[in-house]
């Protein structure tokens, strides 16, 4: 079971992803609706895997990613975005993002990413 945090300003998106993850026996340890809340909950919940939306109020996902990476390089982060800006993809990749989910995405892709992230952990 993977400890997951979901960060998205859309309550509907968070709820859909959370229900899907719970149905597949993953532990959703935290949810956040903006970047500031995401950082606070990250440090209090220590998730193994983070689904991180890039466009959010108060503090955007890229800033959250930079803040987390300044303290922790081991967390696995999946960026969720409706934007296909190559410069943002490149910056996120340099910061060690595991994968990208482009909205709208297929929920089965989430399982593939989690499986892949678990395989990486086993290889270490």
PDB file of N, CA and C in Angstrom:
ATOM      1  N   UNK A   1       0.846  -1.175   0.000  1.00  0.00           N
ATOM      2  CA  UNK A   1       0.000   0.000   0.000  1.00  0.00           C
ATOM      3  C   UNK A   1       0.892   1.239   0.000  1.00  0.00           C
ATOM      4  N   UNK A   2       0.618   2.145  -0.906  1.00  0.00           N
ATOM      5  CA  UNK A   2       1.406   3.363  -1.060  1.00  0.00           C
ATOM      6  C   UNK A   2       0.736   4.522  -0.327  1.00  0.00           C
ATOM      7  N   UNK A   3       1.549   5.287   0.409  1.00  0.00           N
ATOM      8  CA  UNK A   3       1.056   6.481   1.121  1.00  0.00           C
ATOM      9  C   UNK A   3       1.076   7.659   0.145  1.00  0.00           C
ATOM     10  N   UNK A   4      -0.117   8.202  -0.122  1.00  0.00           N
ATOM     11  CA  UNK A   4      -0.286   9.183  -1.187  1.00  0.00           C
ATOM     12  C   UNK A   4      -0.831  10.505  -0.649  1.00  0.00           C
ATOM     13  N   UNK A   5      -0.349  11.607  -1.239  1.00  0.00           N
ATOM     14  CA  UNK A   5      -0.931  12.925  -1.009  1.00  0.00           C
ATOM     15  C   UNK A   5      -1.429  13.455  -2.354  1.00  0.00           C
ATOM     16  N   UNK A   6      -2.627  14.043  -2.340  1.00  0.00           N
ATOM     17  CA  UNK A   6      -3.224  14.612  -3.548  1.00  0.00           C
ATOM     18  C   UNK A   6      -3.314  16.126  -3.374  1.00  0.00           C
ATOM     19  N   UNK A   7      -2.733  16.854  -4.326  1.00  0.00           N
ATOM     20  CA  UNK A   7      -2.741  18.318  -4.272  1.00  0.00           C
ATOM     21  C   UNK A   7      -3.379  18.840  -5.555  1.00  0.00           C
ATOM     22  N   UNK A   8      -4.575  19.398  -5.409  1.00  0.00           N
ATOM     23  CA  UNK A   8      -5.306  19.939  -6.556  1.00  0.00           C
ATOM     24  C   UNK A   8      -6.344  20.914  -6.029  1.00  0.00           C
ATOM     25  N   UNK A   9      -6.474  22.062  -6.679  1.00  0.00           N
ATOM     26  CA  UNK A   9      -7.455  23.041  -6.207  1.00  0.00           C
ATOM     27  C   UNK A   9      -8.888  22.642  -6.543  1.00  0.00           C
ATOM     28  N   UNK A  10      -9.063  21.656  -7.402  1.00  0.00           N
ATOM     29  CA  UNK A  10     -10.395  21.169  -7.751  1.00  0.00           C
ATOM     30  C   UNK A  10     -10.813  20.063  -6.780  1.00  0.00           C
ATOM     31  N   UNK A  11     -11.829  20.349  -5.980  1.00  0.00           N
ATOM     32  CA  UNK A  11     -12.320  19.349  -5.030  1.00  0.00           C
ATOM     33  C   UNK A  11     -12.815  18.105  -5.766  1.00  0.00           C
ATOM     34  N   UNK A  12     -13.446  18.305  -6.906  1.00  0.00           N
ATOM     35  CA  UNK A  12     -13.951  17.177  -7.688  1.00  0.00           C
ATOM     36  C   UNK A  12     -12.804  16.279  -8.161  1.00  0.00           C
ATOM     37  N   UNK A  13     -11.730  16.880  -8.644  1.00  0.00           N
ATOM     38  CA  UNK A  13     -10.570  16.101  -9.098  1.00  0.00           C
ATOM     39  C   UNK A  13      -9.934  15.336  -7.944  1.00  0.00           C
ATOM     40  N   UNK A  14      -9.773  16.009  -6.799  1.00  0.00           N
ATOM     41  CA  UNK A  14      -9.202  15.338  -5.622  1.00  0.00           C
ATOM     42  C   UNK A  14     -10.066  14.158  -5.200  1.00  0.00           C
ATOM     43  N   UNK A  15     -11.363  14.378  -5.148  1.00  0.00           N
ATOM     44  CA  UNK A  15     -12.291  13.341  -4.708  1.00  0.00           C
ATOM     45  C   UNK A  15     -12.276  12.139  -5.650  1.00  0.00           C
ATOM     46  N   UNK A  16     -12.283  12.396  -6.940  1.00  0.00           N
ATOM     47  CA  UNK A  16     -12.256  11.324  -7.932  1.00  0.00           C
ATOM     48  C   UNK A  16     -10.980  10.495  -7.804  1.00  0.00           C
ATOM     49  N   UNK A  17      -9.845  11.165  -7.710  1.00  0.00           N
ATOM     50  CA  UNK A  17      -8.570  10.470  -7.583  1.00  0.00           C
ATOM     51  C   UNK A  17      -8.482   9.732  -6.251  1.00  0.00           C
ATOM     52  N   UNK A  18      -8.931  10.358  -5.183  1.00  0.00           N
ATOM     53  CA  UNK A  18      -8.906   9.722  -3.864  1.00  0.00           C
ATOM     54  C   UNK A  18      -9.745   8.450  -3.856  1.00  0.00           C
ATOM     55  N   UNK A  19     -10.971   8.528  -4.350  1.00  0.00           N
ATOM     56  CA  UNK A  19     -11.846   7.350  -4.377  1.00  0.00           C
ATOM     57  C   UNK A  19     -11.226   6.222  -5.191  1.00  0.00           C
ATOM     58  N   UNK A  20     -10.617   6.581  -6.314  1.00  0.00           N
ATOM     59  CA  UNK A  20      -9.972   5.582  -7.164  1.00  0.00           C
ATOM     60  C   UNK A  20      -8.800   4.921  -6.434  1.00  0.00           C
ATOM     61  N   UNK A  21      -7.973   5.721  -5.786  1.00  0.00           N
ATOM     62  CA  UNK A  21      -6.818   5.181  -5.063  1.00  0.00           C
ATOM     63  C   UNK A  21      -7.253   4.299  -3.897  1.00  0.00           C
ATOM     64  N   UNK A  22      -8.242   4.738  -3.153  1.00  0.00           N
ATOM     65  CA  UNK A  22      -8.740   3.941  -2.028  1.00  0.00           C
ATOM     66  C   UNK A  22      -9.322   2.616  -2.516  1.00  0.00           C
ATOM     67  N   UNK A  23     -10.014   2.631  -3.642  1.00  0.00           N
ATOM     68  CA  UNK A  23     -10.587   1.409  -4.208  1.00  0.00           C
ATOM     69  C   UNK A  23      -9.507   0.421  -4.635  1.00  0.00           C
ATOM     70  N   UNK A  24      -8.298   0.937  -4.859  1.00  0.00           N
ATOM     71  CA  UNK A  24      -7.172   0.082  -5.252  1.00  0.00           C
ATOM     72  C   UNK A  24      -6.162  -0.082  -4.109  1.00  0.00           C
ATOM     73  N   UNK A  25      -6.662   0.059  -2.893  1.00  0.00           N
ATOM     74  CA  UNK A  25      -5.899  -0.238  -1.670  1.00  0.00           C
ATOM     75  C   UNK A  25      -4.680   0.639  -1.430  1.00  0.00           C
ATOM     76  N   UNK A  26      -4.768   1.899  -1.817  1.00  0.00           N
ATOM     77  CA  UNK A  26      -3.702   2.841  -1.495  1.00  0.00           C
ATOM     78  C   UNK A  26      -4.181   3.753  -0.375  1.00  0.00           C
ATOM     79  N   UNK A  27      -3.260   4.247   0.396  1.00  0.00           N
ATOM     80  CA  UNK A  27      -3.568   5.042   1.579  1.00  0.00           C
ATOM     81  C   UNK A  27      -3.397   6.529   1.264  1.00  0.00           C
ATOM     82  N   UNK A  28      -4.502   7.251   1.149  1.00  0.00           N
ATOM     83  CA  UNK A  28      -4.441   8.694   0.909  1.00  0.00           C
ATOM     84  C   UNK A  28      -4.270   9.361   2.270  1.00  0.00           C
ATOM     85  N   UNK A  29      -3.039   9.789   2.552  1.00  0.00           N
ATOM     86  CA  UNK A  29      -2.702  10.316   3.880  1.00  0.00           C
ATOM     87  C   UNK A  29      -2.930  11.814   3.999  1.00  0.00           C
ATOM     88  N   UNK A  30      -3.069  12.509   2.849  1.00  0.00           N
ATOM     89  CA  UNK A  30      -3.290  13.958   2.907  1.00  0.00           C
ATOM     90  C   UNK A  30      -3.852  14.454   1.587  1.00  0.00           C
ATOM     91  N   UNK A  31      -4.604  15.548   1.698  1.00  0.00           N
ATOM     92  CA  UNK A  31      -5.119  16.265   0.537  1.00  0.00           C
ATOM     93  C   UNK A  31      -4.891  17.748   0.784  1.00  0.00           C
ATOM     94  N   UNK A  32      -4.652  18.481  -0.297  1.00  0.00           N
ATOM     95  CA  UNK A  32      -4.479  19.929  -0.175  1.00  0.00           C
ATOM     96  C   UNK A  32      -5.094  20.603  -1.393  1.00  0.00           C
ATOM     97  N   UNK A  33      -5.625  21.803  -1.169  1.00  0.00           N
ATOM     98  CA  UNK A  33      -6.282  22.528  -2.254  1.00  0.00           C
ATOM     99  C   UNK A  33      -5.475  23.727  -2.755  1.00  0.00           C
ATOM    100  N   UNK A  34      -4.349  24.016  -2.101  1.00  0.00           N
ATOM    101  CA  UNK A  34      -3.469  25.083  -2.586  1.00  0.00           C
ATOM    102  C   UNK A  34      -2.034  24.764  -2.182  1.00  0.00           C
ATOM    103  N   UNK A  35      -1.115  25.544  -2.719  1.00  0.00           N
ATOM    104  CA  UNK A  35       0.298  25.260  -2.510  1.00  0.00           C
ATOM    105  C   UNK A  35       0.773  25.389  -1.078  1.00  0.00           C
ATOM    106  N   UNK A  36       0.279  26.375  -0.366  1.00  0.00           N
ATOM    107  CA  UNK A  36       0.700  26.568   1.026  1.00  0.00           C
ATOM    108  C   UNK A  36       0.246  25.394   1.886  1.00  0.00           C
ATOM    109  N   UNK A  37      -1.009  25.000   1.708  1.00  0.00           N
ATOM    110  CA  UNK A  37      -1.538  23.845   2.440  1.00  0.00           C
ATOM    111  C   UNK A  37      -0.767  22.576   2.065  1.00  0.00           C
ATOM    112  N   UNK A  38      -0.380  22.461   0.806  1.00  0.00           N
ATOM    113  CA  UNK A  38       0.362  21.290   0.341  1.00  0.00           C
ATOM    114  C   UNK A  38       1.685  21.134   1.080  1.00  0.00           C
ATOM    115  N   UNK A  39       2.411  22.224   1.226  1.00  0.00           N
ATOM    116  CA  UNK A  39       3.703  22.156   1.918  1.00  0.00           C
ATOM    117  C   UNK A  39       3.508  21.780   3.377  1.00  0.00           C
ATOM    118  N   UNK A  40       2.535  22.392   4.031  1.00  0.00           N
ATOM    119  CA  UNK A  40       2.258  22.063   5.437  1.00  0.00           C
ATOM    120  C   UNK A  40       1.908  20.586   5.597  1.00  0.00           C
ATOM    121  N   UNK A  41       1.015  20.097   4.742  1.00  0.00           N
ATOM    122  CA  UNK A  41       0.572  18.703   4.862  1.00  0.00           C
ATOM    123  C   UNK A  41       1.657  17.724   4.438  1.00  0.00           C
ATOM    124  N   UNK A  42       2.511  18.141   3.521  1.00  0.00           N
ATOM    125  CA  UNK A  42       3.623  17.273   3.120  1.00  0.00           C
ATOM    126  C   UNK A  42       4.508  16.958   4.327  1.00  0.00           C
ATOM    127  N   UNK A  43       4.880  17.984   5.070  1.00  0.00           N
ATOM    128  CA  UNK A  43       5.778  17.779   6.204  1.00  0.00           C
ATOM    129  C   UNK A  43       5.108  17.026   7.349  1.00  0.00           C
ATOM    130  N   UNK A  44       3.805  17.158   7.493  1.00  0.00           N
ATOM    131  CA  UNK A  44       3.129  16.459   8.588  1.00  0.00           C
ATOM    132  C   UNK A  44       2.750  15.022   8.230  1.00  0.00           C
ATOM    133  N   UNK A  45       2.598  14.719   6.941  1.00  0.00           N
ATOM    134  CA  UNK A  45       2.134  13.377   6.566  1.00  0.00           C
ATOM    135  C   UNK A  45       3.196  12.485   5.929  1.00  0.00           C
ATOM    136  N   UNK A  46       4.263  13.062   5.428  1.00  0.00           N
ATOM    137  CA  UNK A  46       5.365  12.319   4.802  1.00  0.00           C
ATOM    138  C   UNK A  46       4.889  11.252   3.805  1.00  0.00           C
ATOM    139  N   UNK A  47       4.209  11.676   2.736  1.00  0.00           N
ATOM    140  CA  UNK A  47       3.742  10.701   1.743  1.00  0.00           C
ATOM    141  C   UNK A  47       4.899  10.138   0.927  1.00  0.00           C
ATOM    142  N   UNK A  48       4.692   8.945   0.394  1.00  0.00           N
ATOM    143  CA  UNK A  48       5.673   8.335  -0.504  1.00  0.00           C
ATOM    144  C   UNK A  48       5.506   8.863  -1.927  1.00  0.00           C
ATOM    145  N   UNK A  49       4.266   9.218  -2.256  1.00  0.00           N
ATOM    146  CA  UNK A  49       3.918   9.607  -3.612  1.00  0.00           C
ATOM    147  C   UNK A  49       2.996  10.822  -3.550  1.00  0.00           C
ATOM    148  N   UNK A  50       3.270  11.814  -4.401  1.00  0.00           N
ATOM    149  CA  UNK A  50       2.474  13.043  -4.414  1.00  0.00           C
ATOM    150  C   UNK A  50       1.937  13.278  -5.821  1.00  0.00           C
ATOM    151  N   UNK A  51       0.625  13.466  -5.920  1.00  0.00           N
ATOM    152  CA  UNK A  51       0.001  13.919  -7.154  1.00  0.00           C
ATOM    153  C   UNK A  51      -0.159  15.424  -7.013  1.00  0.00           C
ATOM    154  N   UNK A  52       0.538  16.184  -7.853  1.00  0.00           N
ATOM    155  CA  UNK A  52       0.650  17.630  -7.677  1.00  0.00           C
ATOM    156  C   UNK A  52       0.161  18.393  -8.903  1.00  0.00           C
ATOM    157  N   UNK A  53      -0.941  19.119  -8.739  1.00  0.00           N
ATOM    158  CA  UNK A  53      -1.438  20.003  -9.791  1.00  0.00           C
ATOM    159  C   UNK A  53      -0.507  21.215  -9.873  1.00  0.00           C
ATOM    160  N   UNK A  54      -0.295  21.732 -11.072  1.00  0.00           N
ATOM    161  CA  UNK A  54       0.599  22.884 -11.217  1.00  0.00           C
ATOM    162  C   UNK A  54      -0.101  24.220 -11.017  1.00  0.00           C
ATOM    163  N   UNK A  55      -1.353  24.323 -11.422  1.00  0.00           N
ATOM    164  CA  UNK A  55      -2.063  25.600 -11.351  1.00  0.00           C
ATOM    165  C   UNK A  55      -2.982  25.592 -10.137  1.00  0.00           C
ATOM    166  N   UNK A  56      -2.585  26.385  -9.120  1.00  0.00           N
ATOM    167  CA  UNK A  56      -3.337  26.455  -7.864  1.00  0.00           C
ATOM    168  C   UNK A  56      -3.224  27.858  -7.285  1.00  0.00           C
ATOM    169  N   UNK A  57      -4.155  28.208  -6.405  1.00  0.00           N
ATOM    170  CA  UNK A  57      -4.074  29.519  -5.748  1.00  0.00           C
ATOM    171  C   UNK A  57      -2.997  29.550  -4.658  1.00  0.00           C
ATOM    172  N   UNK A  58      -2.629  30.739  -4.272  1.00  0.00           N
ATOM    173  CA  UNK A  58      -1.696  31.035  -3.175  1.00  0.00           C
ATOM    174  C   UNK A  58      -0.248  30.674  -3.471  1.00  0.00           C
ATOM    175  N   UNK A  59      -0.002  29.501  -3.980  1.00  0.00           N
ATOM    176  CA  UNK A  59       1.354  29.077  -4.329  1.00  0.00           C
ATOM    177  C   UNK A  59       1.207  28.003  -5.397  1.00  0.00           C
ATOM    178  N   UNK A  60       1.814  28.197  -6.567  1.00  0.00           N
ATOM    179  CA  UNK A  60       1.609  27.236  -7.651  1.00  0.00           C
ATOM    180  C   UNK A  60       2.384  25.940  -7.423  1.00  0.00           C
ATOM    181  N   UNK A  61       2.027  24.933  -8.209  1.00  0.00           N
ATOM    182  CA  UNK A  61       2.625  23.613  -8.056  1.00  0.00           C
ATOM    183  C   UNK A  61       4.122  23.589  -8.298  1.00  0.00           C
ATOM    184  N   UNK A  62       4.609  24.396  -9.227  1.00  0.00           N
ATOM    185  CA  UNK A  62       6.045  24.441  -9.488  1.00  0.00           C
ATOM    186  C   UNK A  62       6.798  24.961  -8.270  1.00  0.00           C
ATOM    187  N   UNK A  63       6.251  25.959  -7.605  1.00  0.00           N
ATOM    188  CA  UNK A  63       6.870  26.477  -6.377  1.00  0.00           C
ATOM    189  C   UNK A  63       6.840  25.434  -5.263  1.00  0.00           C
ATOM    190  N   UNK A  64       5.742  24.691  -5.179  1.00  0.00           N
ATOM    191  CA  UNK A  64       5.644  23.603  -4.190  1.00  0.00           C
ATOM    192  C   UNK A  64       6.710  22.554  -4.484  1.00  0.00           C
ATOM    193  N   UNK A  65       6.835  22.184  -5.743  1.00  0.00           N
ATOM    194  CA  UNK A  65       7.832  21.201  -6.155  1.00  0.00           C
ATOM    195  C   UNK A  65       9.240  21.656  -5.769  1.00  0.00           C
ATOM    196  N   UNK A  66       9.570  22.904  -6.049  1.00  0.00           N
ATOM    197  CA  UNK A  66      10.894  23.435  -5.697  1.00  0.00           C
ATOM    198  C   UNK A  66      11.121  23.400  -4.189  1.00  0.00           C
ATOM    199  N   UNK A  67      10.115  23.764  -3.421  1.00  0.00           N
ATOM    200  CA  UNK A  67      10.230  23.773  -1.957  1.00  0.00           C
ATOM    201  C   UNK A  67      10.455  22.359  -1.427  1.00  0.00           C
ATOM    202  N   UNK A  68       9.675  21.409  -1.906  1.00  0.00           N
ATOM    203  CA  UNK A  68       9.843  20.021  -1.454  1.00  0.00           C
ATOM    204  C   UNK A  68      11.223  19.514  -1.841  1.00  0.00           C
ATOM    205  N   UNK A  69      11.638  19.782  -3.077  1.00  0.00           N
ATOM    206  CA  UNK A  69      12.943  19.290  -3.541  1.00  0.00           C
ATOM    207  C   UNK A  69      14.112  19.947  -2.801  1.00  0.00           C
ATOM    208  N   UNK A  70      13.922  21.134  -2.286  1.00  0.00           N
ATOM    209  CA  UNK A  70      15.004  21.780  -1.537  1.00  0.00           C
ATOM    210  C   UNK A  70      15.274  21.050  -0.219  1.00  0.00           C
ATOM    211  N   UNK A  71      14.308  20.283   0.243  1.00  0.00           N
ATOM    212  CA  UNK A  71      14.429  19.550   1.506  1.00  0.00           C
ATOM    213  C   UNK A  71      14.519  18.036   1.314  1.00  0.00           C
ATOM    214  N   UNK A  72      13.930  17.527   0.223  1.00  0.00           N
ATOM    215  CA  UNK A  72      13.760  16.083   0.078  1.00  0.00           C
ATOM    216  C   UNK A  72      13.815  15.694  -1.397  1.00  0.00           C
ATOM    217  N   UNK A  73      14.788  14.870  -1.743  1.00  0.00           N
ATOM    218  CA  UNK A  73      14.901  14.403  -3.127  1.00  0.00           C
ATOM    219  C   UNK A  73      14.333  13.007  -3.315  1.00  0.00           C
ATOM    220  N   UNK A  74      13.853  12.389  -2.248  1.00  0.00           N
ATOM    221  CA  UNK A  74      13.404  11.004  -2.349  1.00  0.00           C
ATOM    222  C   UNK A  74      11.921  10.846  -2.653  1.00  0.00           C
ATOM    223  N   UNK A  75      11.114  11.850  -2.386  1.00  0.00           N
ATOM    224  CA  UNK A  75       9.678  11.704  -2.626  1.00  0.00           C
ATOM    225  C   UNK A  75       9.403  11.608  -4.127  1.00  0.00           C
ATOM    226  N   UNK A  76       8.424  10.785  -4.455  1.00  0.00           N
ATOM    227  CA  UNK A  76       8.043  10.597  -5.852  1.00  0.00           C
ATOM    228  C   UNK A  76       6.882  11.538  -6.149  1.00  0.00           C
ATOM    229  N   UNK A  77       7.057  12.361  -7.170  1.00  0.00           N
ATOM    230  CA  UNK A  77       6.058  13.378  -7.481  1.00  0.00           C
ATOM    231  C   UNK A  77       5.565  13.202  -8.909  1.00  0.00           C
ATOM    232  N   UNK A  78       4.238  13.158  -9.036  1.00  0.00           N
ATOM    233  CA  UNK A  78       3.579  13.094 -10.329  1.00  0.00           C
ATOM    234  C   UNK A  78       2.890  14.432 -10.541  1.00  0.00           C
ATOM    235  N   UNK A  79       3.234  15.108 -11.606  1.00  0.00           N
ATOM    236  CA  UNK A  79       2.643  16.409 -11.909  1.00  0.00           C
ATOM    237  C   UNK A  79       1.368  16.202 -12.716  1.00  0.00           C
ATOM    238  N   UNK A  80       0.312  16.891 -12.278  1.00  0.00           N
ATOM    239  CA  UNK A  80      -0.965  16.897 -12.988  1.00  0.00           C
ATOM    240  C   UNK A  80      -1.134  18.289 -13.591  1.00  0.00           C
ATOM    241  N   UNK A  81      -1.401  18.333 -14.890  1.00  0.00           N
ATOM    242  CA  UNK A  81      -1.538  19.638 -15.533  1.00  0.00           C
ATOM    243  C   UNK A  81      -2.437  19.564 -16.763  1.00  0.00           C
ATOM    244  N   UNK A  82      -3.048  20.669 -17.058  1.00  0.00           N
ATOM    245  CA  UNK A  82      -3.799  20.804 -18.297  1.00  0.00           C
ATOM    246  C   UNK A  82      -2.974  21.535 -19.338  1.00  0.00           C
ATOM    247  N   UNK A  83      -1.766  21.901 -18.963  1.00  0.00           N
ATOM    248  CA  UNK A  83      -0.865  22.692 -19.788  1.00  0.00           C
ATOM    249  C   UNK A  83       0.180  21.768 -20.411  1.00  0.00           C
ATOM    250  N   UNK A  84       0.490  21.971 -21.670  1.00  0.00           N
ATOM    251  CA  UNK A  84       1.534  21.157 -22.301  1.00  0.00           C
ATOM    252  C   UNK A  84       2.751  22.003 -22.670  1.00  0.00           C
ATOM    253  N   UNK A  85       3.082  22.952 -21.816  1.00  0.00           N
ATOM    254  CA  UNK A  85       4.214  23.854 -22.015  1.00  0.00           C
ATOM    255  C   UNK A  85       5.528  23.088 -21.818  1.00  0.00           C
ATOM    256  N   UNK A  86       6.307  22.963 -22.878  1.00  0.00           N
ATOM    257  CA  UNK A  86       7.543  22.183 -22.836  1.00  0.00           C
ATOM    258  C   UNK A  86       8.556  22.755 -21.849  1.00  0.00           C
ATOM    259  N   UNK A  87       8.613  24.069 -21.695  1.00  0.00           N
ATOM    260  CA  UNK A  87       9.545  24.672 -20.736  1.00  0.00           C
ATOM    261  C   UNK A  87       9.215  24.247 -19.307  1.00  0.00           C
ATOM    262  N   UNK A  88       7.927  24.205 -18.983  1.00  0.00           N
ATOM    263  CA  UNK A  88       7.520  23.759 -17.644  1.00  0.00           C
ATOM    264  C   UNK A  88       7.846  22.282 -17.467  1.00  0.00           C
ATOM    265  N   UNK A  89       7.591  21.468 -18.493  1.00  0.00           N
ATOM    266  CA  UNK A  89       7.937  20.043 -18.417  1.00  0.00           C
ATOM    267  C   UNK A  89       9.429  19.875 -18.159  1.00  0.00           C
ATOM    268  N   UNK A  90      10.246  20.646 -18.883  1.00  0.00           N
ATOM    269  CA  UNK A  90      11.697  20.543 -18.716  1.00  0.00           C
ATOM    270  C   UNK A  90      12.119  20.919 -17.300  1.00  0.00           C
ATOM    271  N   UNK A  91      11.543  21.991 -16.771  1.00  0.00           N
ATOM    272  CA  UNK A  91      11.889  22.418 -15.415  1.00  0.00           C
ATOM    273  C   UNK A  91      11.470  21.369 -14.389  1.00  0.00           C
ATOM    274  N   UNK A  92      10.280  20.825 -14.554  1.00  0.00           N
ATOM    275  CA  UNK A  92       9.806  19.782 -13.634  1.00  0.00           C
ATOM    276  C   UNK A  92      10.691  18.539 -13.717  1.00  0.00           C
ATOM    277  N   UNK A  93      11.085  18.182 -14.923  1.00  0.00           N
ATOM    278  CA  UNK A  93      11.950  17.019 -15.109  1.00  0.00           C
ATOM    279  C   UNK A  93      13.291  17.226 -14.407  1.00  0.00           C
ATOM    280  N   UNK A  94      13.857  18.416 -14.517  1.00  0.00           N
ATOM    281  CA  UNK A  94      15.117  18.724 -13.825  1.00  0.00           C
ATOM    282  C   UNK A  94      14.970  18.610 -12.313  1.00  0.00           C
ATOM    283  N   UNK A  95      13.749  18.840 -11.825  1.00  0.00           N
ATOM    284  CA  UNK A  95      13.483  18.752 -10.386  1.00  0.00           C
ATOM    285  C   UNK A  95      13.105  17.334  -9.954  1.00  0.00           C
ATOM    286  N   UNK A  96      13.209  16.390 -10.880  1.00  0.00           N
ATOM    287  CA  UNK A  96      13.037  14.990 -10.515  1.00  0.00           C
ATOM    288  C   UNK A  96      11.612  14.473 -10.468  1.00  0.00           C
ATOM    289  N   UNK A  97      10.730  15.054 -11.277  1.00  0.00           N
ATOM    290  CA  UNK A  97       9.358  14.554 -11.337  1.00  0.00           C
ATOM    291  C   UNK A  97       9.360  13.151 -11.940  1.00  0.00           C
ATOM    292  N   UNK A  98       8.575  12.270 -11.348  1.00  0.00           N
ATOM    293  CA  UNK A  98       8.499  10.886 -11.808  1.00  0.00           C
ATOM    294  C   UNK A  98       7.711  10.762 -13.111  1.00  0.00           C
ATOM    295  N   UNK A  99       6.595  11.491 -13.205  1.00  0.00           N
ATOM    296  CA  UNK A  99       5.721  11.365 -14.375  1.00  0.00           C
ATOM    297  C   UNK A  99       4.817  12.588 -14.483  1.00  0.00           C
ATOM    298  N   UNK A 100       4.180  12.707 -15.642  1.00  0.00           N
ATOM    299  CA  UNK A 100       3.206  13.766 -15.893  1.00  0.00           C
ATOM    300  C   UNK A 100       1.875  13.129 -16.258  1.00  0.00           C
ATOM    301  N   UNK A 101       0.803  13.674 -15.718  1.00  0.00           N
ATOM    302  CA  UNK A 101      -0.550  13.309 -16.132  1.00  0.00           C
ATOM    303  C   UNK A 101      -1.173  14.560 -16.734  1.00  0.00           C
ATOM    304  N   UNK A 102      -1.546  14.479 -18.005  1.00  0.00           N
ATOM    305  CA  UNK A 102      -2.139  15.618 -18.691  1.00  0.00           C
ATOM    306  C   UNK A 102      -3.659  15.492 -18.602  1.00  0.00           C
ATOM    307  N   UNK A 103      -4.295  16.540 -18.051  1.00  0.00           N
ATOM    308  CA  UNK A 103      -5.761  16.538 -17.924  1.00  0.00           C
ATOM    309  C   UNK A 103      -6.403  16.679 -19.297  1.00  0.00           C
ATOM    310  N   UNK A 104      -7.479  15.978 -19.545  1.00  0.00           N
ATOM    311  CA  UNK A 104      -8.049  14.909 -18.719  1.00  0.00           C
ATOM    312  C   UNK A 104      -7.229  13.634 -18.911  1.00  0.00           C
ATOM    313  N   UNK A 105      -7.034  12.874 -17.851  1.00  0.00           N
ATOM    314  CA  UNK A 105      -6.234  11.659 -17.947  1.00  0.00           C
ATOM    315  C   UNK A 105      -7.079  10.441 -17.594  1.00  0.00           C
ATOM    316  N   UNK A 106      -6.588   9.290 -18.010  1.00  0.00           N
ATOM    317  CA  UNK A 106      -7.242   8.014 -17.741  1.00  0.00           C
ATOM    318  C   UNK A 106      -6.795   7.534 -16.361  1.00  0.00           C
ATOM    319  N   UNK A 107      -7.727   7.209 -15.506  1.00  0.00           N
ATOM    320  CA  UNK A 107      -7.366   6.777 -14.152  1.00  0.00           C
ATOM    321  C   UNK A 107      -6.520   5.506 -14.148  1.00  0.00           C
ATOM    322  N   UNK A 108      -6.643   4.674 -15.172  1.00  0.00           N
ATOM    323  CA  UNK A 108      -5.803   3.476 -15.226  1.00  0.00           C
ATOM    324  C   UNK A 108      -4.327   3.832 -15.373  1.00  0.00           C
ATOM    325  N   UNK A 109      -4.043   5.002 -15.951  1.00  0.00           N
ATOM    326  CA  UNK A 109      -2.654   5.463 -16.039  1.00  0.00           C
ATOM    327  C   UNK A 109      -2.072   5.692 -14.646  1.00  0.00           C
ATOM    328  N   UNK A 110      -2.916   6.066 -13.698  1.00  0.00           N
ATOM    329  CA  UNK A 110      -2.479   6.279 -12.317  1.00  0.00           C
ATOM    330  C   UNK A 110      -1.926   4.978 -11.744  1.00  0.00           C
ATOM    331  N   UNK A 111      -2.616   3.873 -11.992  1.00  0.00           N
ATOM    332  CA  UNK A 111      -2.136   2.577 -11.489  1.00  0.00           C
ATOM    333  C   UNK A 111      -0.795   2.206 -12.111  1.00  0.00           C
ATOM    334  N   UNK A 112      -0.644   2.474 -13.406  1.00  0.00           N
ATOM    335  CA  UNK A 112       0.631   2.191 -14.075  1.00  0.00           C
ATOM    336  C   UNK A 112       1.768   2.995 -13.449  1.00  0.00           C
ATOM    337  N   UNK A 113       1.506   4.256 -13.150  1.00  0.00           N
ATOM    338  CA  UNK A 113       2.530   5.111 -12.548  1.00  0.00           C
ATOM    339  C   UNK A 113       2.888   4.624 -11.148  1.00  0.00           C
ATOM    340  N   UNK A 114       1.895   4.240 -10.370  1.00  0.00           N
ATOM    341  CA  UNK A 114       2.169   3.733  -9.018  1.00  0.00           C
ATOM    342  C   UNK A 114       2.970   2.440  -9.098  1.00  0.00           C
ATOM    343  N   UNK A 115       2.602   1.556 -10.007  1.00  0.00           N
ATOM    344  CA  UNK A 115       3.356   0.316 -10.185  1.00  0.00           C
ATOM    345  C   UNK A 115       4.808   0.636 -10.547  1.00  0.00           C
ATOM    346  N   UNK A 116       4.995   1.553 -11.481  1.00  0.00           N
ATOM    347  CA  UNK A 116       6.331   1.968 -11.896  1.00  0.00           C
ATOM    348  C   UNK A 116       7.113   2.554 -10.721  1.00  0.00           C
ATOM    349  N   UNK A 117       6.462   3.386  -9.922  1.00  0.00           N
ATOM    350  CA  UNK A 117       7.149   4.005  -8.779  1.00  0.00           C
ATOM    351  C   UNK A 117       7.555   2.953  -7.756  1.00  0.00           C
ATOM    352  N   UNK A 118       6.728   1.936  -7.584  1.00  0.00           N
ATOM    353  CA  UNK A 118       7.072   0.856  -6.654  1.00  0.00           C
ATOM    354  C   UNK A 118       8.236   0.022  -7.178  1.00  0.00           C
ATOM    355  N   UNK A 119       8.293  -0.174  -8.486  1.00  0.00           N
ATOM    356  CA  UNK A 119       9.412  -0.904  -9.087  1.00  0.00           C
ATOM    357  C   UNK A 119      10.722  -0.145  -8.878  1.00  0.00           C
ATOM    358  N   UNK A 120      10.682   1.172  -9.016  1.00  0.00           N
ATOM    359  CA  UNK A 120      11.876   1.988  -8.785  1.00  0.00           C
ATOM    360  C   UNK A 120      12.348   1.815  -7.346  1.00  0.00           C
ATOM    361  N   UNK A 121      11.414   1.812  -6.412  1.00  0.00           N
ATOM    362  CA  UNK A 121      11.756   1.645  -4.998  1.00  0.00           C
ATOM    363  C   UNK A 121      12.417   0.296  -4.762  1.00  0.00           C
ATOM    364  N   UNK A 122      11.898  -0.756  -5.371  1.00  0.00           N
ATOM    365  CA  UNK A 122      12.461  -2.095  -5.192  1.00  0.00           C
ATOM    366  C   UNK A 122      13.866  -2.205  -5.773  1.00  0.00           C
ATOM    367  N   UNK A 123      14.153  -1.444  -6.823  1.00  0.00           N
ATOM    368  CA  UNK A 123      15.464  -1.500  -7.464  1.00  0.00           C
ATOM    369  C   UNK A 123      16.542  -0.810  -6.643  1.00  0.00           C
ATOM    370  N   UNK A 124      16.150   0.048  -5.719  1.00  0.00           N
ATOM    371  CA  UNK A 124      17.142   0.801  -4.934  1.00  0.00           C
ATOM    372  C   UNK A 124      17.773  -0.055  -3.870  1.00  0.00           C
TER     373      UNK A 124
END
